[in-house]
PDB file of all heavy atoms in Angstrom:
ATOM      1  N   ILE A   1       0.878  -1.178  -0.010  1.00  0.00           N
ATOM      2  CA  ILE A   1      -0.022  -0.002   0.004  1.00  0.00           C
ATOM      3  C   ILE A   1       0.894   1.219   0.008  1.00  0.00           C
ATOM      4  O   ILE A   1       1.697   1.433   0.933  1.00  0.00           O
ATOM      5  CB  ILE A   1      -0.913   0.023   1.238  1.00  0.00           C
ATOM      6  CG1 ILE A   1      -1.721  -1.280   1.329  1.00  0.00           C
ATOM      7  CG2 ILE A   1      -1.792   1.266   1.233  1.00  0.00           C
ATOM      8  CD1 ILE A   1      -2.347  -1.542   2.698  1.00  0.00           C
ATOM      9  N   GLY A   2       0.813   2.042  -1.037  1.00  0.00           N
ATOM     10  CA  GLY A   2       1.637   3.220  -1.148  1.00  0.00           C
ATOM     11  C   GLY A   2       0.962   4.454  -0.596  1.00  0.00           C
ATOM     12  O   GLY A   2      -0.211   4.691  -0.852  1.00  0.00           O
ATOM     13  N   ILE A   3       1.727   5.208   0.156  1.00  0.00           N
ATOM     14  CA  ILE A   3       1.298   6.555   0.613  1.00  0.00           C
ATOM     15  C   ILE A   3       2.146   7.566  -0.100  1.00  0.00           C
ATOM     16  O   ILE A   3       3.315   7.758   0.230  1.00  0.00           O
ATOM     17  CB  ILE A   3       1.490   6.739   2.145  1.00  0.00           C
ATOM     18  CG1 ILE A   3       0.839   5.652   2.961  1.00  0.00           C
ATOM     19  CG2 ILE A   3       0.945   8.138   2.530  1.00  0.00           C
ATOM     20  CD1 ILE A   3       1.176   5.706   4.440  1.00  0.00           C
ATOM     21  N   PRO A   4       1.574   8.230  -1.123  1.00  0.00           N
ATOM     22  CA  PRO A   4       2.357   9.307  -1.740  1.00  0.00           C
ATOM     23  C   PRO A   4       2.387  10.523  -0.804  1.00  0.00           C
ATOM     24  O   PRO A   4       1.352  10.861  -0.206  1.00  0.00           O
ATOM     25  CB  PRO A   4       1.574   9.602  -3.034  1.00  0.00           C
ATOM     26  CG  PRO A   4       0.195   9.048  -2.795  1.00  0.00           C
ATOM     27  CD  PRO A   4       0.309   7.992  -1.753  1.00  0.00           C
ATOM     28  N   LEU A   5       3.543  11.094  -0.627  1.00  0.00           N
ATOM     29  CA  LEU A   5       3.678  12.180   0.330  1.00  0.00           C
ATOM     30  C   LEU A   5       3.767  13.535  -0.371  1.00  0.00           C
ATOM     31  O   LEU A   5       4.404  13.676  -1.427  1.00  0.00           O
ATOM     32  CB  LEU A   5       4.949  11.978   1.191  1.00  0.00           C
ATOM     33  CG  LEU A   5       4.934  10.684   2.021  1.00  0.00           C
ATOM     34  CD1 LEU A   5       6.263  10.551   2.755  1.00  0.00           C
ATOM     35  CD2 LEU A   5       3.778  10.664   2.988  1.00  0.00           C
ATOM     36  N   LYS A   6       3.160  14.501   0.262  1.00  0.00           N
ATOM     37  CA  LYS A   6       3.157  15.876  -0.276  1.00  0.00           C
ATOM     38  C   LYS A   6       4.550  16.443  -0.101  1.00  0.00           C
ATOM     39  O   LYS A   6       5.212  16.246   0.895  1.00  0.00           O
ATOM     40  CB  LYS A   6       2.130  16.740   0.476  1.00  0.00           C
ATOM     41  CG  LYS A   6       2.008  18.105  -0.095  1.00  0.00           C
ATOM     42  CD  LYS A   6       0.881  18.870   0.593  1.00  0.00           C
ATOM     43  CE  LYS A   6       0.726  20.232  -0.052  1.00  0.00           C
ATOM     44  NZ  LYS A   6      -0.419  20.948   0.504  1.00  0.00           N
ATOM     45  N   SER A   7       4.976  17.169  -1.113  1.00  0.00           N
ATOM     46  CA  SER A   7       6.268  17.865  -1.056  1.00  0.00           C
ATOM     47  C   SER A   7       6.066  19.265  -1.631  1.00  0.00           C
ATOM     48  O   SER A   7       4.998  19.590  -2.119  1.00  0.00           O
ATOM     49  CB  SER A   7       7.327  17.102  -1.854  1.00  0.00           C
ATOM     50  OG  SER A   7       6.969  17.130  -3.209  1.00  0.00           O
ATOM     51  N   ASN A   8       7.107  20.062  -1.521  1.00  0.00           N
ATOM     52  CA  ASN A   8       6.992  21.423  -2.048  1.00  0.00           C
ATOM     53  C   ASN A   8       6.846  21.415  -3.565  1.00  0.00           C
ATOM     54  O   ASN A   8       6.206  22.282  -4.135  1.00  0.00           O
ATOM     55  CB  ASN A   8       8.210  22.243  -1.614  1.00  0.00           C
ATOM     56  CG  ASN A   8       8.211  22.503  -0.138  1.00  0.00           C
ATOM     57  OD1 ASN A   8       7.163  22.532   0.501  1.00  0.00           O
ATOM     58  ND2 ASN A   8       9.411  22.694   0.441  1.00  0.00           N
ATOM     59  N   ALA A   9       7.486  20.418  -4.174  1.00  0.00           N
ATOM     60  CA  ALA A   9       7.392  20.327  -5.622  1.00  0.00           C
ATOM     61  C   ALA A   9       6.106  19.622  -6.015  1.00  0.00           C
ATOM     62  O   ALA A   9       5.892  18.467  -5.635  1.00  0.00           O
ATOM     63  CB  ALA A   9       8.607  19.547  -6.173  1.00  0.00           C
ATOM     64  N   LEU A  10       5.263  20.245  -6.735  1.00  0.00           N
ATOM     65  CA  LEU A  10       4.075  19.666  -7.306  1.00  0.00           C
ATOM     66  C   LEU A  10       3.034  19.191  -6.288  1.00  0.00           C
ATOM     67  O   LEU A  10       2.150  18.406  -6.624  1.00  0.00           O
ATOM     68  CB  LEU A  10       4.420  18.531  -8.288  1.00  0.00           C
ATOM     69  CG  LEU A  10       5.383  18.925  -9.429  1.00  0.00           C
ATOM     70  CD1 LEU A  10       5.753  17.709 -10.236  1.00  0.00           C
ATOM     71  CD2 LEU A  10       4.758  19.979 -10.317  1.00  0.00           C
ATOM     72  N   ASP A  11       3.141  19.591  -5.049  1.00  0.00           N
ATOM     73  CA  ASP A  11       2.190  19.256  -3.988  1.00  0.00           C
ATOM     74  C   ASP A  11       1.903  17.769  -3.841  1.00  0.00           C
ATOM     75  O   ASP A  11       0.828  17.389  -3.393  1.00  0.00           O
ATOM     76  CB  ASP A  11       0.850  20.003  -4.207  1.00  0.00           C
ATOM     77  CG  ASP A  11       0.967  21.498  -3.880  1.00  0.00           C
ATOM     78  OD1 ASP A  11       1.774  21.832  -2.995  1.00  0.00           O
ATOM     79  OD2 ASP A  11       0.233  22.274  -4.504  1.00  0.00           O
ATOM     80  N   GLY A  12       2.817  16.919  -4.209  1.00  0.00           N
ATOM     81  CA  GLY A  12       2.643  15.486  -4.052  1.00  0.00           C
ATOM     82  C   GLY A  12       2.022  14.789  -5.239  1.00  0.00           C
ATOM     83  O   GLY A  12       1.908  13.569  -5.232  1.00  0.00           O
ATOM     84  N   VAL A  13       1.607  15.541  -6.260  1.00  0.00           N
ATOM     85  CA  VAL A  13       1.009  14.922  -7.432  1.00  0.00           C
ATOM     86  C   VAL A  13       2.033  14.023  -8.108  1.00  0.00           C
ATOM     87  O   VAL A  13       1.714  12.933  -8.613  1.00  0.00           O
ATOM     88  CB  VAL A  13       0.443  15.954  -8.406  1.00  0.00           C
ATOM     89  CG1 VAL A  13      -0.033  15.310  -9.696  1.00  0.00           C
ATOM     90  CG2 VAL A  13      -0.703  16.720  -7.749  1.00  0.00           C
ATOM     91  N   ASP A  14       3.310  14.427  -8.107  1.00  0.00           N
ATOM     92  CA  ASP A  14       4.361  13.572  -8.685  1.00  0.00           C
ATOM     93  C   ASP A  14       4.440  12.263  -7.932  1.00  0.00           C
ATOM     94  O   ASP A  14       4.555  11.195  -8.546  1.00  0.00           O
ATOM     95  CB  ASP A  14       5.706  14.330  -8.656  1.00  0.00           C
ATOM     96  CG  ASP A  14       6.081  14.836  -7.283  1.00  0.00           C
ATOM     97  OD1 ASP A  14       5.208  15.057  -6.416  1.00  0.00           O
ATOM     98  OD2 ASP A  14       7.298  15.015  -7.017  1.00  0.00           O
ATOM     99  N   ALA A  15       4.381  12.294  -6.597  1.00  0.00           N
ATOM    100  CA  ALA A  15       4.443  11.086  -5.789  1.00  0.00           C
ATOM    101  C   ALA A  15       3.222  10.213  -6.029  1.00  0.00           C
ATOM    102  O   ALA A  15       3.314   8.977  -6.131  1.00  0.00           O
ATOM    103  CB  ALA A  15       4.564  11.430  -4.325  1.00  0.00           C
ATOM    104  N   LEU A  16       2.064  10.842  -6.148  1.00  0.00           N
ATOM    105  CA  LEU A  16       0.842  10.094  -6.421  1.00  0.00           C
ATOM    106  C   LEU A  16       0.941   9.334  -7.757  1.00  0.00           C
ATOM    107  O   LEU A  16       0.673   8.145  -7.829  1.00  0.00           O
ATOM    108  CB  LEU A  16      -0.364  11.022  -6.441  1.00  0.00           C
ATOM    109  CG  LEU A  16      -1.694  10.400  -6.842  1.00  0.00           C
ATOM    110  CD1 LEU A  16      -2.129   9.345  -5.809  1.00  0.00           C
ATOM    111  CD2 LEU A  16      -2.754  11.459  -7.002  1.00  0.00           C
ATOM    112  N   LEU A  17       1.362  10.035  -8.783  1.00  0.00           N
ATOM    113  CA  LEU A  17       1.460   9.382 -10.109  1.00  0.00           C
ATOM    114  C   LEU A  17       2.542   8.307 -10.103  1.00  0.00           C
ATOM    115  O   LEU A  17       2.308   7.212 -10.682  1.00  0.00           O
ATOM    116  CB  LEU A  17       1.781  10.419 -11.196  1.00  0.00           C
ATOM    117  CG  LEU A  17       0.634  11.430 -11.448  1.00  0.00           C
ATOM    118  CD1 LEU A  17       1.074  12.484 -12.422  1.00  0.00           C
ATOM    119  CD2 LEU A  17      -0.628  10.723 -11.942  1.00  0.00           C
ATOM    120  N   SER A  18       3.638   8.498  -9.416  1.00  0.00           N
ATOM    121  CA  SER A  18       4.696   7.480  -9.351  1.00  0.00           C
ATOM    122  C   SER A  18       4.190   6.251  -8.584  1.00  0.00           C
ATOM    123  O   SER A  18       4.607   5.132  -8.896  1.00  0.00           O
ATOM    124  CB  SER A  18       5.930   8.037  -8.654  1.00  0.00           C
ATOM    125  OG  SER A  18       6.545   9.003  -9.443  1.00  0.00           O
ATOM    126  N   THR A  19       3.327   6.463  -7.646  1.00  0.00           N
ATOM    127  CA  THR A  19       2.831   5.335  -6.834  1.00  0.00           C
ATOM    128  C   THR A  19       1.764   4.541  -7.610  1.00  0.00           C
ATOM    129  O   THR A  19       1.798   3.305  -7.539  1.00  0.00           O
ATOM    130  CB  THR A  19       2.228   5.864  -5.506  1.00  0.00           C
ATOM    131  OG1 THR A  19       3.233   6.576  -4.800  1.00  0.00           O
ATOM    132  CG2 THR A  19       1.745   4.714  -4.616  1.00  0.00           C
ATOM    133  N   VAL A  20       0.883   5.199  -8.304  1.00  0.00           N
ATOM    134  CA  VAL A  20      -0.227   4.472  -8.969  1.00  0.00           C
ATOM    135  C   VAL A  20       0.139   3.946 -10.344  1.00  0.00           C
ATOM    136  O   VAL A  20      -0.486   2.973 -10.802  1.00  0.00           O
ATOM    137  CB  VAL A  20      -1.525   5.320  -9.049  1.00  0.00           C
ATOM    138  CG1 VAL A  20      -1.981   5.732  -7.687  1.00  0.00           C
ATOM    139  CG2 VAL A  20      -1.344   6.516  -9.963  1.00  0.00           C
ATOM    140  N   GLN A  21       1.118   4.497 -10.993  1.00  0.00           N
ATOM    141  CA  GLN A  21       1.438   4.068 -12.384  1.00  0.00           C
ATOM    142  C   GLN A  21       2.439   2.948 -12.385  1.00  0.00           C
ATOM    143  O   GLN A  21       3.564   3.069 -12.833  1.00  0.00           O
ATOM    144  CB  GLN A  21       1.983   5.283 -13.179  1.00  0.00           C
ATOM    145  CG  GLN A  21       0.967   6.339 -13.401  1.00  0.00           C
ATOM    146  CD  GLN A  21      -0.193   5.885 -14.323  1.00  0.00           C
ATOM    147  OE1 GLN A  21      -0.231   4.792 -14.827  1.00  0.00           O
ATOM    148  NE2 GLN A  21      -1.153   6.766 -14.513  1.00  0.00           N
ATOM    149  N   MET A  22       2.019   1.790 -11.923  1.00  0.00           N
ATOM    150  CA  MET A  22       2.873   0.614 -11.837  1.00  0.00           C
ATOM    151  C   MET A  22       2.668  -0.234 -13.083  1.00  0.00           C
ATOM    152  O   MET A  22       1.573  -0.263 -13.651  1.00  0.00           O
ATOM    153  CB  MET A  22       2.549  -0.213 -10.600  1.00  0.00           C
ATOM    154  CG  MET A  22       2.918   0.486  -9.304  1.00  0.00           C
ATOM    155  SD  MET A  22       4.674   0.809  -9.191  1.00  0.00           S
ATOM    156  CE  MET A  22       5.345  -0.837  -9.280  1.00  0.00           C
ATOM    157  N   PRO A  23       3.721  -0.931 -13.511  1.00  0.00           N
ATOM    158  CA  PRO A  23       3.554  -1.794 -14.673  1.00  0.00           C
ATOM    159  C   PRO A  23       2.682  -2.998 -14.363  1.00  0.00           C
ATOM    160  O   PRO A  23       2.586  -3.429 -13.217  1.00  0.00           O
ATOM    161  CB  PRO A  23       4.999  -2.226 -14.998  1.00  0.00           C
ATOM    162  CG  PRO A  23       5.711  -2.089 -13.689  1.00  0.00           C
ATOM    163  CD  PRO A  23       5.062  -0.955 -12.975  1.00  0.00           C
ATOM    164  N   SER A  24       2.021  -3.521 -15.365  1.00  0.00           N
ATOM    165  CA  SER A  24       1.192  -4.685 -15.230  1.00  0.00           C
ATOM    166  C   SER A  24       1.986  -5.818 -14.591  1.00  0.00           C
ATOM    167  O   SER A  24       3.130  -6.085 -14.973  1.00  0.00           O
ATOM    168  CB  SER A  24       0.674  -5.111 -16.593  1.00  0.00           C
ATOM    169  OG  SER A  24      -0.162  -6.210 -16.454  1.00  0.00           O
ATOM    170  N   GLY A  25       1.400  -6.435 -13.569  1.00  0.00           N
ATOM    171  CA  GLY A  25       2.030  -7.554 -12.918  1.00  0.00           C
ATOM    172  C   GLY A  25       2.679  -7.191 -11.591  1.00  0.00           C
ATOM    173  O   GLY A  25       3.005  -8.094 -10.805  1.00  0.00           O
ATOM    174  N   ILE A  26       2.852  -5.913 -11.324  1.00  0.00           N
ATOM    175  CA  ILE A  26       3.443  -5.477 -10.034  1.00  0.00           C
ATOM    176  C   ILE A  26       2.494  -4.430  -9.449  1.00  0.00           C
ATOM    177  O   ILE A  26       2.743  -3.234  -9.510  1.00  0.00           O
ATOM    178  CB  ILE A  26       4.861  -4.852 -10.246  1.00  0.00           C
ATOM    179  CG1 ILE A  26       5.761  -5.760 -11.043  1.00  0.00           C
ATOM    180  CG2 ILE A  26       5.466  -4.534  -8.860  1.00  0.00           C
ATOM    181  CD1 ILE A  26       6.121  -7.087 -10.365  1.00  0.00           C
ATOM    182  N   PRO A  27       1.372  -4.888  -8.849  1.00  0.00           N
ATOM    183  CA  PRO A  27       0.400  -3.938  -8.338  1.00  0.00           C
ATOM    184  C   PRO A  27       0.823  -3.263  -7.037  1.00  0.00           C
ATOM    185  O   PRO A  27       1.531  -3.871  -6.239  1.00  0.00           O
ATOM    186  CB  PRO A  27      -0.849  -4.796  -8.131  1.00  0.00           C
ATOM    187  CG  PRO A  27      -0.307  -6.142  -7.853  1.00  0.00           C
ATOM    188  CD  PRO A  27       0.922  -6.276  -8.705  1.00  0.00           C
ATOM    189  N   VAL A  28       0.416  -2.034  -6.885  1.00  0.00           N
ATOM    190  CA  VAL A  28       0.577  -1.298  -5.630  1.00  0.00           C
ATOM    191  C   VAL A  28      -0.770  -0.590  -5.393  1.00  0.00           C
ATOM    192  O   VAL A  28      -1.250   0.113  -6.268  1.00  0.00           O
ATOM    193  CB  VAL A  28       1.713  -0.235  -5.709  1.00  0.00           C
ATOM    194  CG1 VAL A  28       1.665   0.708  -4.507  1.00  0.00           C
ATOM    195  CG2 VAL A  28       3.043  -0.909  -5.821  1.00  0.00           C
ATOM    196  N   ALA A  29      -1.354  -0.813  -4.236  1.00  0.00           N
ATOM    197  CA  ALA A  29      -2.541  -0.061  -3.852  1.00  0.00           C
ATOM    198  C   ALA A  29      -2.075   1.310  -3.453  1.00  0.00           C
ATOM    199  O   ALA A  29      -0.980   1.476  -2.885  1.00  0.00           O
ATOM    200  CB  ALA A  29      -3.272  -0.750  -2.696  1.00  0.00           C
ATOM    201  N   ALA A  30      -2.846   2.336  -3.720  1.00  0.00           N
ATOM    202  CA  ALA A  30      -2.458   3.705  -3.344  1.00  0.00           C
ATOM    203  C   ALA A  30      -3.612   4.424  -2.649  1.00  0.00           C
ATOM    204  O   ALA A  30      -4.772   4.204  -2.999  1.00  0.00           O
ATOM    205  CB  ALA A  30      -2.036   4.484  -4.590  1.00  0.00           C
ATOM    206  N   VAL A  31      -3.230   5.199  -1.668  1.00  0.00           N
ATOM    207  CA  VAL A  31      -4.200   6.021  -0.947  1.00  0.00           C
ATOM    208  C   VAL A  31      -3.909   7.471  -1.310  1.00  0.00           C
ATOM    209  O   VAL A  31      -3.018   7.752  -2.092  1.00  0.00           O
ATOM    210  CB  VAL A  31      -4.113   5.779   0.584  1.00  0.00           C
ATOM    211  CG1 VAL A  31      -4.534   4.352   0.933  1.00  0.00           C
ATOM    212  CG2 VAL A  31      -2.732   6.100   1.109  1.00  0.00           C
ATOM    213  N   ALA A  32      -4.669   8.378  -0.778  1.00  0.00           N
ATOM    214  CA  ALA A  32      -4.530   9.793  -1.086  1.00  0.00           C
ATOM    215  C   ALA A  32      -3.143  10.286  -0.643  1.00  0.00           C
ATOM    216  O   ALA A  32      -2.463   9.704   0.175  1.00  0.00           O
ATOM    217  CB  ALA A  32      -5.620  10.602  -0.368  1.00  0.00           C
ATOM    218  N   ILE A  33      -2.788  11.431  -1.184  1.00  0.00           N
ATOM    219  CA  ILE A  33      -1.542  12.098  -0.755  1.00  0.00           C
ATOM    220  C   ILE A  33      -1.627  12.329   0.737  1.00  0.00           C
ATOM    221  O   ILE A  33      -2.630  12.860   1.229  1.00  0.00           O
ATOM    222  CB  ILE A  33      -1.359  13.427  -1.522  1.00  0.00           C
ATOM    223  CG1 ILE A  33      -1.188  13.157  -3.032  1.00  0.00           C
ATOM    224  CG2 ILE A  33      -0.195  14.219  -0.957  1.00  0.00           C
ATOM    225  CD1 ILE A  33      -1.287  14.360  -3.907  1.00  0.00           C
ATOM    226  N   ASP A  34      -0.594  11.887   1.462  1.00  0.00           N
ATOM    227  CA  ASP A  34      -0.534  11.937   2.928  1.00  0.00           C
ATOM    228  C   ASP A  34      -1.641  11.130   3.601  1.00  0.00           C
ATOM    229  O   ASP A  34      -1.944  11.353   4.755  1.00  0.00           O
ATOM    230  CB  ASP A  34      -0.544  13.392   3.448  1.00  0.00           C
ATOM    231  CG  ASP A  34       0.720  14.167   3.145  1.00  0.00           C
ATOM    232  OD1 ASP A  34       1.704  13.542   2.707  1.00  0.00           O
ATOM    233  OD2 ASP A  34       0.713  15.399   3.355  1.00  0.00           O
ATOM    234  N   GLY A  35      -2.187  10.140   2.924  1.00  0.00           N
ATOM    235  CA  GLY A  35      -3.315   9.343   3.439  1.00  0.00           C
ATOM    236  C   GLY A  35      -2.894   8.197   4.324  1.00  0.00           C
ATOM    237  O   GLY A  35      -3.347   7.059   4.094  1.00  0.00           O
ATOM    238  N   ALA A  36      -2.095   8.457   5.346  1.00  0.00           N
ATOM    239  CA  ALA A  36      -1.573   7.397   6.179  1.00  0.00           C
ATOM    240  C   ALA A  36      -2.641   6.645   6.972  1.00  0.00           C
ATOM    241  O   ALA A  36      -2.540   5.427   7.126  1.00  0.00           O
ATOM    242  CB  ALA A  36      -0.534   7.971   7.148  1.00  0.00           C
ATOM    243  N   VAL A  37      -3.651   7.341   7.424  1.00  0.00           N
ATOM    244  CA  VAL A  37      -4.697   6.658   8.185  1.00  0.00           C
ATOM    245  C   VAL A  37      -5.439   5.653   7.287  1.00  0.00           C
ATOM    246  O   VAL A  37      -5.640   4.518   7.683  1.00  0.00           O
ATOM    247  CB  VAL A  37      -5.689   7.670   8.796  1.00  0.00           C
ATOM    248  CG1 VAL A  37      -6.893   6.975   9.422  1.00  0.00           C
ATOM    249  CG2 VAL A  37      -4.979   8.538   9.841  1.00  0.00           C
ATOM    250  N   ASN A  38      -5.767   6.059   6.091  1.00  0.00           N
ATOM    251  CA  ASN A  38      -6.434   5.117   5.168  1.00  0.00           C
ATOM    252  C   ASN A  38      -5.513   3.961   4.777  1.00  0.00           C
ATOM    253  O   ASN A  38      -6.001   2.826   4.597  1.00  0.00           O
ATOM    254  CB  ASN A  38      -6.957   5.840   3.935  1.00  0.00           C
ATOM    255  CG  ASN A  38      -8.346   6.349   4.102  1.00  0.00           C
ATOM    256  OD1 ASN A  38      -8.996   6.088   5.112  1.00  0.00           O
ATOM    257  ND2 ASN A  38      -8.834   7.075   3.125  1.00  0.00           N
TER     258      ASN A  38
END
């Protein structure tokens, strides 16, 4: 389960896209930016 973290650069959208855009066969579940509780 990936938690993309907010940063000063791009407000975490870069981390979100890097977390969810996995190649077929290597899944990663992703929650919201800074979504540690979820």
